[in-house]
C-alpha cells in the first residue's frame, strides 16, 4: 500500500470514528434530557387530565380511576361520591375525538370536554366551543342525539360528522358504564366491583 493510499484510508477511518463519537455523545445527551424532562411531562399530563376531570364534574375534590383511561369516580372533600367521568374517543371526520363526559348521581350529564381532536379548522374544531358543549349539560344519555337524528342537540354547521361522533360517543360511553355510574339502588347489588 502506498503512502497516499495509507493517508486516504486513515482519513476515512478518522471520519467514521469521529462520526461514531458524535453519535454516541448525542445519544447520551438525548438520554439525559429525556430522563430530566420525562417526569415533568408525565406530571403535566396528569395535571391536564385532573383539570379536565374537574371541569366536567364540578364540586369534586378528587378522582379514583375505576377502568384505566376510561372511567373515574369523583368524590368530594368528605369522600362522598359525587358522580363519574367517562372517556370516549369516537371517530370524527379526521380522526378520533377524545372526549370526557361527567355524569352526576342523578344520571344527567354535568359537562363535556374535548381533550383531543384533529378536525378541520373552522368546522369540526367548533366542537370545542362552549355553545356546543353546553347543550349536553343536564341531559340523560337517552336524550343525547342530534336534532337531525330525532334529538334536541344542534349540530355544528358543515361538521355533522364531528357533531354526530361526539354526541353518539358520549351517549354510548355513558350507556356502556351506566350500571357503574349511578349509585346502587336499595335492594340491588352493588355493581361497582368494590368488595
N, C-alpha and C. Protein backbone atom coordinates (compact mmCIF):
# COMPACT_ATOMS: atom_id res chain seq x y z
N UNK A 1 0.85 -1.17 0.00
CA UNK A 1 0.00 0.00 0.00
C UNK A 1 0.90 1.23 0.00
N UNK A 2 0.61 2.15 -0.87
CA UNK A 2 1.44 3.35 -0.99
C UNK A 2 1.09 4.33 0.13
N UNK A 3 1.93 5.33 0.28
CA UNK A 3 1.75 6.33 1.34
C UNK A 3 0.47 7.13 1.11
N UNK A 4 0.15 7.44 -0.15
CA UNK A 4 -1.07 8.21 -0.42
C UNK A 4 -2.32 7.39 -0.12
N UNK A 5 -2.27 6.10 -0.43
CA UNK A 5 -3.41 5.22 -0.11
C UNK A 5 -3.57 5.08 1.39
N UNK A 6 -2.46 4.97 2.11
CA UNK A 6 -2.50 4.84 3.56
C UNK A 6 -3.09 6.10 4.19
N UNK A 7 -2.71 7.25 3.72
CA UNK A 7 -3.26 8.51 4.24
C UNK A 7 -4.75 8.60 3.95
N UNK A 8 -5.14 8.14 2.74
CA UNK A 8 -6.56 8.17 2.36
C UNK A 8 -7.37 7.27 3.30
N UNK A 9 -6.87 6.06 3.59
CA UNK A 9 -7.54 5.11 4.49
C UNK A 9 -7.62 5.69 5.89
N UNK A 10 -6.52 6.28 6.37
CA UNK A 10 -6.52 6.87 7.71
C UNK A 10 -7.54 8.01 7.80
N UNK A 11 -7.63 8.81 6.74
CA UNK A 11 -8.61 9.90 6.70
C UNK A 11 -10.04 9.38 6.78
N UNK A 12 -10.30 8.32 6.06
CA UNK A 12 -11.64 7.71 6.09
C UNK A 12 -11.95 7.11 7.46
N UNK A 13 -10.97 6.43 8.04
CA UNK A 13 -11.16 5.82 9.37
C UNK A 13 -11.44 6.93 10.39
N UNK A 14 -10.68 8.01 10.32
CA UNK A 14 -10.88 9.12 11.26
C UNK A 14 -12.27 9.74 11.09
N UNK A 15 -12.73 9.87 9.83
CA UNK A 15 -14.06 10.41 9.56
C UNK A 15 -15.14 9.53 10.20
N UNK A 16 -15.03 8.23 9.98
CA UNK A 16 -16.02 7.29 10.53
C UNK A 16 -15.95 7.30 12.06
N UNK A 17 -14.75 7.28 12.60
CA UNK A 17 -14.57 7.27 14.05
C UNK A 17 -15.14 8.54 14.68
N UNK A 18 -14.88 9.70 14.07
CA UNK A 18 -15.41 10.95 14.63
C UNK A 18 -16.93 10.98 14.54
N UNK A 19 -17.49 10.44 13.47
CA UNK A 19 -18.96 10.38 13.35
C UNK A 19 -19.56 9.48 14.43
N UNK A 20 -18.94 8.35 14.71
CA UNK A 20 -19.41 7.44 15.76
C UNK A 20 -19.35 8.14 17.11
N UNK A 21 -18.27 8.86 17.39
CA UNK A 21 -18.13 9.57 18.66
C UNK A 21 -19.22 10.63 18.81
N UNK A 22 -19.48 11.40 17.75
CA UNK A 22 -20.52 12.42 17.79
C UNK A 22 -21.88 11.77 18.02
N UNK A 23 -22.17 10.66 17.36
CA UNK A 23 -23.46 9.97 17.54
C UNK A 23 -23.63 9.46 18.96
N UNK A 24 -22.58 8.90 19.53
CA UNK A 24 -22.66 8.40 20.92
C UNK A 24 -22.88 9.57 21.87
N UNK A 25 -22.15 10.67 21.67
CA UNK A 25 -22.33 11.84 22.54
C UNK A 25 -23.75 12.39 22.42
N UNK A 26 -24.29 12.44 21.20
CA UNK A 26 -25.66 12.93 21.01
C UNK A 26 -26.66 11.99 21.69
N UNK A 27 -26.47 10.69 21.56
CA UNK A 27 -27.38 9.72 22.19
C UNK A 27 -27.36 9.86 23.71
N UNK A 28 -26.18 10.01 24.28
CA UNK A 28 -26.06 10.18 25.73
C UNK A 28 -26.75 11.48 26.16
N UNK A 29 -26.52 12.55 25.40
CA UNK A 29 -27.15 13.83 25.71
C UNK A 29 -28.66 13.75 25.63
N UNK A 30 -29.19 13.13 24.59
CA UNK A 30 -30.64 12.98 24.45
C UNK A 30 -31.23 12.13 25.58
N UNK A 31 -30.51 11.07 25.97
CA UNK A 31 -30.98 10.22 27.06
C UNK A 31 -31.06 11.00 28.36
N UNK A 32 -30.07 11.85 28.60
CA UNK A 32 -30.09 12.66 29.84
C UNK A 32 -31.23 13.68 29.81
N UNK A 33 -31.42 14.34 28.68
CA UNK A 33 -32.52 15.31 28.55
C UNK A 33 -33.86 14.60 28.74
N UNK A 34 -34.03 13.43 28.13
CA UNK A 34 -35.25 12.65 28.28
C UNK A 34 -35.49 12.29 29.74
N UNK A 35 -34.41 11.86 30.42
CA UNK A 35 -34.53 11.49 31.83
C UNK A 35 -34.94 12.65 32.72
N UNK A 36 -34.50 13.85 32.37
CA UNK A 36 -34.86 15.04 33.15
C UNK A 36 -36.27 15.51 32.82
N UNK A 37 -36.65 15.49 31.55
CA UNK A 37 -37.93 16.05 31.15
C UNK A 37 -39.10 15.08 31.28
N UNK A 38 -38.88 13.78 31.25
CA UNK A 38 -39.98 12.81 31.29
C UNK A 38 -40.86 12.96 32.54
N UNK A 39 -40.29 13.06 33.73
CA UNK A 39 -41.17 13.22 34.90
C UNK A 39 -41.99 14.51 34.85
N UNK A 40 -41.41 15.57 34.32
CA UNK A 40 -42.13 16.84 34.22
C UNK A 40 -43.28 16.70 33.22
N UNK A 41 -43.02 16.09 32.08
CA UNK A 41 -44.05 15.90 31.06
C UNK A 41 -45.15 14.99 31.59
N UNK A 42 -44.77 13.90 32.27
CA UNK A 42 -45.77 12.98 32.84
C UNK A 42 -46.66 13.71 33.84
N UNK A 43 -46.07 14.57 34.69
CA UNK A 43 -46.85 15.32 35.68
C UNK A 43 -47.79 16.30 34.99
N UNK A 44 -47.32 16.92 33.91
CA UNK A 44 -48.18 17.85 33.16
C UNK A 44 -49.37 17.11 32.56
N UNK A 45 -49.15 15.89 32.07
CA UNK A 45 -50.26 15.10 31.52
C UNK A 45 -51.27 14.75 32.61
N UNK A 46 -50.77 14.37 33.78
CA UNK A 46 -51.66 14.04 34.91
C UNK A 46 -52.45 15.27 35.33
N UNK A 47 -51.78 16.42 35.40
CA UNK A 47 -52.46 17.67 35.78
C UNK A 47 -53.53 18.04 34.75
N UNK A 48 -53.22 17.86 33.47
CA UNK A 48 -54.20 18.18 32.41
C UNK A 48 -55.43 17.29 32.52
N UNK A 49 -55.22 15.99 32.79
CA UNK A 49 -56.35 15.07 32.95
C UNK A 49 -57.17 15.47 34.18
N UNK A 50 -56.50 15.79 35.28
CA UNK A 50 -57.22 16.18 36.50
C UNK A 50 -58.02 17.46 36.30
N UNK A 51 -57.45 18.42 35.56
CA UNK A 51 -58.18 19.66 35.27
C UNK A 51 -59.42 19.37 34.42
N UNK A 52 -59.27 18.51 33.43
CA UNK A 52 -60.40 18.16 32.57
C UNK A 52 -61.46 17.40 33.35
N UNK A 53 -61.04 16.49 34.23
CA UNK A 53 -61.99 15.74 35.06
C UNK A 53 -62.78 16.71 35.94
N UNK A 54 -62.08 17.65 36.57
CA UNK A 54 -62.74 18.62 37.44
C UNK A 54 -63.69 19.52 36.65
N UNK A 55 -63.35 19.81 35.40
CA UNK A 55 -64.21 20.68 34.59
C UNK A 55 -65.54 20.02 34.24
N UNK A 56 -65.54 18.71 34.07
CA UNK A 56 -66.79 18.03 33.67
C UNK A 56 -67.60 17.52 34.87
N UNK A 57 -67.01 17.52 36.05
CA UNK A 57 -67.72 17.09 37.26
C UNK A 57 -67.45 18.12 38.37
N UNK A 58 -68.12 19.29 38.29
CA UNK A 58 -67.88 20.36 39.25
C UNK A 58 -68.18 19.92 40.69
N UNK A 59 -67.49 20.54 41.64
CA UNK A 59 -67.72 20.25 43.05
C UNK A 59 -67.03 18.99 43.52
N UNK A 60 -66.11 18.50 42.71
CA UNK A 60 -65.41 17.27 43.05
C UNK A 60 -64.01 17.61 43.57
N UNK A 61 -63.63 16.94 44.66
CA UNK A 61 -62.33 17.19 45.28
C UNK A 61 -61.23 16.30 44.70
N UNK A 62 -61.56 15.04 44.46
CA UNK A 62 -60.55 14.11 43.91
C UNK A 62 -61.24 12.99 43.13
N UNK A 63 -60.44 12.28 42.36
CA UNK A 63 -60.96 11.23 41.48
C UNK A 63 -60.22 9.93 41.73
N UNK A 64 -60.94 8.83 41.51
CA UNK A 64 -60.33 7.50 41.58
C UNK A 64 -60.62 6.79 40.26
N UNK A 65 -59.56 6.35 39.62
CA UNK A 65 -59.71 5.66 38.34
C UNK A 65 -60.27 4.26 38.56
N UNK A 66 -61.36 3.94 37.87
CA UNK A 66 -62.01 2.64 38.01
C UNK A 66 -61.65 1.71 36.87
N UNK A 67 -61.67 2.23 35.65
CA UNK A 67 -61.26 1.50 34.45
C UNK A 67 -60.16 2.35 33.83
N UNK A 68 -58.93 1.83 33.76
CA UNK A 68 -57.81 2.66 33.31
C UNK A 68 -58.08 3.40 32.00
N UNK A 69 -57.98 4.73 32.11
CA UNK A 69 -58.14 5.58 30.95
C UNK A 69 -59.56 5.75 30.44
N UNK A 70 -60.56 5.15 31.12
CA UNK A 70 -61.94 5.21 30.62
C UNK A 70 -62.97 5.67 31.63
N UNK A 71 -62.79 5.34 32.91
CA UNK A 71 -63.83 5.62 33.90
C UNK A 71 -63.20 6.04 35.23
N UNK A 72 -63.69 7.18 35.76
CA UNK A 72 -63.24 7.69 37.05
C UNK A 72 -64.46 7.98 37.90
N UNK A 73 -64.36 7.74 39.21
CA UNK A 73 -65.38 8.18 40.15
C UNK A 73 -64.87 9.47 40.78
N UNK A 74 -65.77 10.42 40.98
CA UNK A 74 -65.43 11.67 41.64
C UNK A 74 -65.94 11.66 43.06
N UNK A 75 -65.16 12.27 43.97
CA UNK A 75 -65.52 12.32 45.40
C UNK A 75 -65.32 13.74 45.91
N UNK A 76 -66.16 14.14 46.86
CA UNK A 76 -65.99 15.46 47.46
C UNK A 76 -64.98 15.37 48.60
N UNK A 77 -64.79 16.46 49.33
CA UNK A 77 -63.79 16.51 50.40
C UNK A 77 -64.10 15.54 51.54
N UNK A 78 -65.38 15.19 51.71
CA UNK A 78 -65.76 14.23 52.76
C UNK A 78 -65.73 12.79 52.25
N UNK A 79 -65.19 12.59 51.05
CA UNK A 79 -65.05 11.28 50.41
C UNK A 79 -66.40 10.66 50.05
N UNK A 80 -67.38 11.52 49.77
CA UNK A 80 -68.70 11.08 49.31
C UNK A 80 -68.69 11.17 47.78
N UNK A 81 -69.13 10.12 47.12
CA UNK A 81 -69.13 10.09 45.67
C UNK A 81 -70.05 11.16 45.09
N UNK A 82 -69.53 11.92 44.12
CA UNK A 82 -70.30 13.00 43.50
C UNK A 82 -70.77 12.65 42.10
N UNK A 83 -70.18 11.64 41.52
CA UNK A 83 -70.53 11.25 40.15
C UNK A 83 -69.40 10.47 39.51
N UNK A 84 -69.39 10.46 38.19
CA UNK A 84 -68.38 9.71 37.47
C UNK A 84 -68.05 10.43 36.17
N UNK A 85 -66.91 10.08 35.61
CA UNK A 85 -66.48 10.63 34.34
C UNK A 85 -66.09 9.47 33.43
N UNK A 86 -66.55 9.53 32.17
CA UNK A 86 -66.15 8.53 31.17
C UNK A 86 -65.35 9.22 30.08
N UNK A 87 -64.41 8.50 29.54
CA UNK A 87 -63.64 8.98 28.39
C UNK A 87 -64.02 8.15 27.18
N UNK A 88 -64.32 8.83 26.09
CA UNK A 88 -64.64 8.16 24.83
C UNK A 88 -63.77 8.76 23.74
N UNK A 89 -63.59 8.03 22.67
CA UNK A 89 -62.81 8.53 21.53
C UNK A 89 -63.45 8.07 20.23
N UNK A 90 -64.67 8.58 19.94
CA UNK A 90 -65.33 8.18 18.70
C UNK A 90 -64.60 8.74 17.48
N UNK A 91 -64.78 8.09 16.35
CA UNK A 91 -64.12 8.54 15.12
C UNK A 91 -64.88 9.72 14.53
N UNK A 92 -64.19 10.84 14.38
CA UNK A 92 -64.76 12.02 13.74
C UNK A 92 -64.39 12.02 12.27
N UNK A 93 -64.44 13.20 11.65
CA UNK A 93 -64.14 13.31 10.22
C UNK A 93 -62.67 13.01 9.95
N UNK A 94 -61.76 13.53 10.77
CA UNK A 94 -60.33 13.40 10.51
C UNK A 94 -59.61 12.52 11.52
N UNK A 95 -60.31 11.86 12.40
CA UNK A 95 -59.67 11.00 13.39
C UNK A 95 -60.47 10.96 14.67
N UNK A 96 -59.91 10.34 15.71
CA UNK A 96 -60.64 10.21 16.97
C UNK A 96 -60.86 11.57 17.63
N UNK A 97 -62.02 11.72 18.26
CA UNK A 97 -62.37 12.92 19.01
C UNK A 97 -62.44 12.50 20.47
N UNK A 98 -61.32 12.67 21.19
CA UNK A 98 -61.26 12.25 22.59
C UNK A 98 -62.07 13.22 23.44
N UNK A 99 -63.01 12.65 24.20
CA UNK A 99 -63.96 13.46 24.96
C UNK A 99 -64.13 12.88 26.35
N UNK A 100 -64.21 13.75 27.35
CA UNK A 100 -64.56 13.37 28.71
C UNK A 100 -65.97 13.86 28.98
N UNK A 101 -66.78 13.01 29.59
CA UNK A 101 -68.16 13.38 29.94
C UNK A 101 -68.40 13.08 31.41
N UNK A 102 -68.85 14.09 32.15
CA UNK A 102 -69.20 13.91 33.55
C UNK A 102 -70.67 13.54 33.69
N UNK A 103 -70.95 12.66 34.64
CA UNK A 103 -72.32 12.23 34.91
C UNK A 103 -72.55 12.31 36.41
N UNK A 104 -73.60 13.05 36.79
CA UNK A 104 -73.94 13.16 38.20
C UNK A 104 -74.62 11.91 38.71
N UNK A 105 -74.86 11.86 40.01
CA UNK A 105 -75.51 10.70 40.61
C UNK A 105 -76.96 10.54 40.16
N UNK A 106 -77.51 11.59 39.56
CA UNK A 106 -78.87 11.53 39.03
C UNK A 106 -78.91 11.01 37.60
N UNK A 107 -77.73 10.70 37.02
CA UNK A 107 -77.66 10.17 35.66
C UNK A 107 -77.63 11.23 34.59
N UNK A 108 -77.60 12.50 34.97
CA UNK A 108 -77.58 13.59 34.00
C UNK A 108 -76.14 14.04 33.72
N UNK A 109 -75.90 14.44 32.50
CA UNK A 109 -74.57 14.92 32.11
C UNK A 109 -74.29 16.23 32.83
N UNK A 110 -73.12 16.32 33.45
CA UNK A 110 -72.72 17.54 34.16
C UNK A 110 -71.82 18.42 33.29
N UNK A 111 -71.27 17.85 32.24
CA UNK A 111 -70.42 18.62 31.33
C UNK A 111 -69.59 17.70 30.45
N UNK A 112 -69.11 18.25 29.34
CA UNK A 112 -68.18 17.50 28.49
C UNK A 112 -67.01 18.41 28.13
N UNK A 113 -65.87 17.79 27.88
CA UNK A 113 -64.68 18.50 27.43
C UNK A 113 -64.05 17.66 26.32
N UNK A 114 -63.73 18.32 25.22
CA UNK A 114 -63.00 17.66 24.13
C UNK A 114 -61.52 17.80 24.48
N UNK A 115 -60.84 16.69 24.71
CA UNK A 115 -59.44 16.76 25.13
C UNK A 115 -58.47 16.66 23.95
N UNK A 116 -58.92 16.10 22.84
CA UNK A 116 -58.04 15.98 21.68
C UNK A 116 -58.88 15.71 20.44
N UNK A 117 -58.58 16.46 19.37
CA UNK A 117 -59.22 16.20 18.08
C UNK A 117 -58.36 16.80 16.98
N UNK A 118 -58.51 16.24 15.80
CA UNK A 118 -57.74 16.69 14.64
C UNK A 118 -58.69 17.02 13.49
N UNK A 119 -59.74 17.75 13.81
CA UNK A 119 -60.76 18.06 12.82
C UNK A 119 -60.39 19.29 11.99
N UNK A 120 -61.17 19.56 10.98
CA UNK A 120 -60.94 20.67 10.07
C UNK A 120 -61.04 22.01 10.81
N UNK A 121 -60.00 22.85 10.72
CA UNK A 121 -60.08 24.17 11.36
C UNK A 121 -61.27 24.96 10.80
N UNK A 122 -61.99 25.61 11.71
CA UNK A 122 -63.14 26.40 11.30
C UNK A 122 -64.42 25.60 11.18
N UNK A 123 -64.33 24.28 11.16
CA UNK A 123 -65.53 23.45 11.06
C UNK A 123 -65.59 22.52 12.27
N UNK A 124 -64.97 21.35 12.15
CA UNK A 124 -65.02 20.36 13.23
C UNK A 124 -64.41 20.84 14.53
N UNK A 125 -63.46 21.77 14.45
CA UNK A 125 -62.85 22.29 15.67
C UNK A 125 -63.84 23.09 16.52
N UNK A 126 -64.98 23.45 15.93
CA UNK A 126 -66.00 24.16 16.69
C UNK A 126 -66.62 23.28 17.78
N UNK A 127 -66.34 22.00 17.75
CA UNK A 127 -66.83 21.10 18.80
C UNK A 127 -66.26 21.47 20.17
N UNK A 128 -65.18 22.21 20.19
CA UNK A 128 -64.58 22.63 21.46
C UNK A 128 -65.22 23.90 22.01
N UNK A 129 -66.09 24.54 21.24
CA UNK A 129 -66.70 25.78 21.68
C UNK A 129 -67.79 25.53 22.72
N UNK A 130 -67.94 26.50 23.62
CA UNK A 130 -68.87 26.35 24.75
C UNK A 130 -70.31 26.13 24.30
N UNK A 131 -70.78 26.81 23.26
CA UNK A 131 -72.19 26.66 22.85
C UNK A 131 -72.50 25.22 22.48
N UNK A 132 -71.54 24.51 21.89
CA UNK A 132 -71.78 23.11 21.52
C UNK A 132 -71.72 22.22 22.75
N UNK A 133 -70.71 22.39 23.57
CA UNK A 133 -70.53 21.54 24.77
C UNK A 133 -71.66 21.73 25.78
N UNK A 134 -72.11 22.98 25.93
CA UNK A 134 -73.12 23.28 26.96
C UNK A 134 -74.48 22.63 26.68
N UNK A 135 -74.75 22.25 25.44
CA UNK A 135 -76.03 21.60 25.10
C UNK A 135 -76.20 20.26 25.81
N UNK A 136 -75.10 19.63 26.18
CA UNK A 136 -75.15 18.29 26.78
C UNK A 136 -75.55 18.35 28.26
N UNK A 137 -75.23 19.46 28.90
CA UNK A 137 -75.43 19.60 30.34
C UNK A 137 -76.90 19.42 30.71
N UNK A 138 -77.14 18.58 31.74
CA UNK A 138 -78.49 18.39 32.27
C UNK A 138 -79.33 17.37 31.52
N UNK A 139 -78.73 16.67 30.57
CA UNK A 139 -79.50 15.69 29.78
C UNK A 139 -79.09 14.27 30.16
N UNK A 140 -80.07 13.34 30.16
CA UNK A 140 -79.71 11.93 30.34
C UNK A 140 -79.15 11.37 29.04
N UNK A 141 -78.47 10.26 29.11
CA UNK A 141 -77.84 9.65 27.93
C UNK A 141 -78.83 9.41 26.80
N UNK A 142 -80.03 8.97 27.15
CA UNK A 142 -81.02 8.65 26.12
C UNK A 142 -81.40 9.85 25.25
N UNK A 143 -81.26 11.06 25.76
CA UNK A 143 -81.62 12.26 25.01
C UNK A 143 -80.46 12.85 24.21
N UNK A 144 -79.30 12.21 24.26
CA UNK A 144 -78.13 12.75 23.56
C UNK A 144 -78.14 12.31 22.10
N UNK A 145 -78.89 13.08 21.30
CA UNK A 145 -78.97 12.84 19.86
C UNK A 145 -79.05 14.19 19.17
N UNK A 146 -78.50 14.25 17.97
CA UNK A 146 -78.61 15.48 17.18
C UNK A 146 -80.04 15.67 16.73
N UNK A 147 -80.42 16.92 16.49
CA UNK A 147 -81.78 17.19 16.01
C UNK A 147 -82.03 16.47 14.68
N UNK A 148 -80.99 16.29 13.87
CA UNK A 148 -81.13 15.57 12.59
C UNK A 148 -81.43 14.09 12.81
N UNK A 149 -81.12 13.60 14.01
CA UNK A 149 -81.34 12.19 14.34
C UNK A 149 -82.52 12.01 15.30
N UNK A 150 -83.34 13.04 15.43
CA UNK A 150 -84.52 12.95 16.29
C UNK A 150 -84.28 13.42 17.71
N UNK A 151 -83.17 14.08 17.97
CA UNK A 151 -82.87 14.57 19.30
C UNK A 151 -83.03 16.08 19.40
N UNK A 152 -82.38 16.65 20.41
CA UNK A 152 -82.52 18.09 20.65
C UNK A 152 -81.22 18.85 20.53
N UNK A 153 -80.12 18.16 20.27
CA UNK A 153 -78.83 18.85 20.19
C UNK A 153 -78.58 19.39 18.79
N UNK A 154 -78.11 20.62 18.73
CA UNK A 154 -77.79 21.26 17.46
C UNK A 154 -76.43 20.79 16.96
N UNK A 155 -76.38 20.44 15.69
CA UNK A 155 -75.11 20.05 15.06
C UNK A 155 -74.34 21.30 14.68
N UNK A 156 -73.05 21.13 14.51
CA UNK A 156 -72.20 22.22 14.03
C UNK A 156 -72.40 22.31 12.53
N UNK A 157 -72.68 23.50 12.02
CA UNK A 157 -72.88 23.68 10.57
C UNK A 157 -71.64 23.22 9.81
N UNK A 158 -71.87 22.40 8.79
CA UNK A 158 -70.81 21.86 7.92
C UNK A 158 -69.88 20.90 8.66
N UNK A 159 -70.26 20.45 9.84
CA UNK A 159 -69.43 19.50 10.58
C UNK A 159 -70.32 18.46 11.26
N UNK A 160 -71.25 17.91 10.51
CA UNK A 160 -72.19 16.94 11.07
C UNK A 160 -71.47 15.67 11.53
N UNK A 161 -70.45 15.25 10.82
CA UNK A 161 -69.74 14.02 11.19
C UNK A 161 -69.12 14.19 12.58
N UNK A 162 -68.47 15.31 12.82
CA UNK A 162 -67.86 15.56 14.13
C UNK A 162 -68.94 15.68 15.21
N UNK A 163 -70.00 16.41 14.91
CA UNK A 163 -71.10 16.58 15.87
C UNK A 163 -71.70 15.23 16.25
N UNK A 164 -71.94 14.42 15.24
CA UNK A 164 -72.53 13.10 15.48
C UNK A 164 -71.56 12.21 16.25
N UNK A 165 -70.27 12.30 15.93
CA UNK A 165 -69.26 11.48 16.64
C UNK A 165 -69.25 11.81 18.12
N UNK A 166 -69.20 13.09 18.45
CA UNK A 166 -69.18 13.50 19.86
C UNK A 166 -70.47 13.07 20.55
N UNK A 167 -71.61 13.36 19.94
CA UNK A 167 -72.90 13.05 20.55
C UNK A 167 -73.07 11.55 20.76
N UNK A 168 -72.86 10.78 19.71
CA UNK A 168 -73.01 9.33 19.83
C UNK A 168 -71.97 8.73 20.76
N UNK A 169 -70.74 9.25 20.70
CA UNK A 169 -69.68 8.73 21.56
C UNK A 169 -69.99 8.94 23.03
N UNK A 170 -70.44 10.15 23.38
CA UNK A 170 -70.78 10.43 24.78
C UNK A 170 -71.94 9.55 25.22
N UNK A 171 -72.99 9.47 24.39
CA UNK A 171 -74.15 8.64 24.75
C UNK A 171 -73.74 7.18 24.94
N UNK A 172 -72.99 6.63 23.99
CA UNK A 172 -72.60 5.22 24.07
C UNK A 172 -71.65 4.96 25.24
N UNK A 173 -70.76 5.92 25.53
CA UNK A 173 -69.85 5.76 26.67
C UNK A 173 -70.60 5.73 27.99
N UNK A 174 -71.58 6.62 28.12
CA UNK A 174 -72.39 6.65 29.34
C UNK A 174 -73.20 5.36 29.46
N UNK A 175 -73.81 4.94 28.36
CA UNK A 175 -74.62 3.72 28.39
C UNK A 175 -73.76 2.49 28.70
N UNK A 176 -72.52 2.47 28.21
CA UNK A 176 -71.62 1.33 28.46
C UNK A 176 -71.38 1.15 29.96
N UNK A 177 -71.22 2.27 30.67
CA UNK A 177 -70.89 2.19 32.10
C UNK A 177 -72.04 2.62 33.00
N UNK A 178 -73.25 2.72 32.47
CA UNK A 178 -74.37 3.24 33.24
C UNK A 178 -74.56 2.51 34.57
N UNK A 179 -74.40 1.21 34.56
CA UNK A 179 -74.58 0.46 35.81
C UNK A 179 -73.51 0.80 36.84
N UNK A 180 -72.37 1.32 36.40
CA UNK A 180 -71.30 1.69 37.32
C UNK A 180 -71.30 3.18 37.63
N UNK A 181 -72.02 3.96 36.83
CA UNK A 181 -72.04 5.41 37.02
C UNK A 181 -72.99 5.82 38.13
N UNK A 182 -74.14 5.16 38.18
CA UNK A 182 -75.16 5.52 39.15
C UNK A 182 -74.97 4.72 40.42
N UNK A 183 -75.29 5.31 41.58
CA UNK A 183 -75.16 4.55 42.83
C UNK A 183 -76.14 3.39 42.85
N UNK A 184 -75.79 2.34 43.60
CA UNK A 184 -76.66 1.17 43.71
C UNK A 184 -77.97 1.56 44.37
N UNK A 185 -79.06 1.05 43.83
CA UNK A 185 -80.39 1.32 44.38
C UNK A 185 -80.65 0.35 45.53
N UNK A 186 -81.47 0.74 46.50
CA UNK A 186 -81.80 -0.18 47.60
C UNK A 186 -82.37 -1.48 47.05
N UNK A 187 -81.90 -2.57 47.59
CA UNK A 187 -82.39 -3.88 47.16
C UNK A 187 -81.65 -4.42 45.95
N UNK A 188 -80.74 -3.63 45.36
CA UNK A 188 -79.97 -4.10 44.21
C UNK A 188 -78.53 -4.34 44.65
N UNK A 189 -77.85 -5.20 43.93
CA UNK A 189 -76.44 -5.46 44.30
C UNK A 189 -75.59 -4.31 43.81
N UNK A 190 -74.48 -4.08 44.50
CA UNK A 190 -73.54 -3.03 44.12
C UNK A 190 -72.72 -3.52 42.96
N UNK A 191 -72.76 -2.80 41.84
CA UNK A 191 -72.08 -3.25 40.62
C UNK A 191 -70.76 -2.52 40.39
N UNK A 192 -70.26 -1.81 41.42
CA UNK A 192 -69.02 -1.07 41.24
C UNK A 192 -67.81 -1.97 41.30
N UNK A 193 -67.98 -3.18 41.80
CA UNK A 193 -66.84 -4.08 41.89
C UNK A 193 -66.08 -3.91 43.21
N UNK A 194 -66.48 -2.96 44.08
CA UNK A 194 -65.82 -2.77 45.37
C UNK A 194 -66.34 -3.81 46.32
N UNK A 195 -65.44 -4.48 46.98
CA UNK A 195 -65.86 -5.51 47.93
C UNK A 195 -65.12 -5.37 49.22
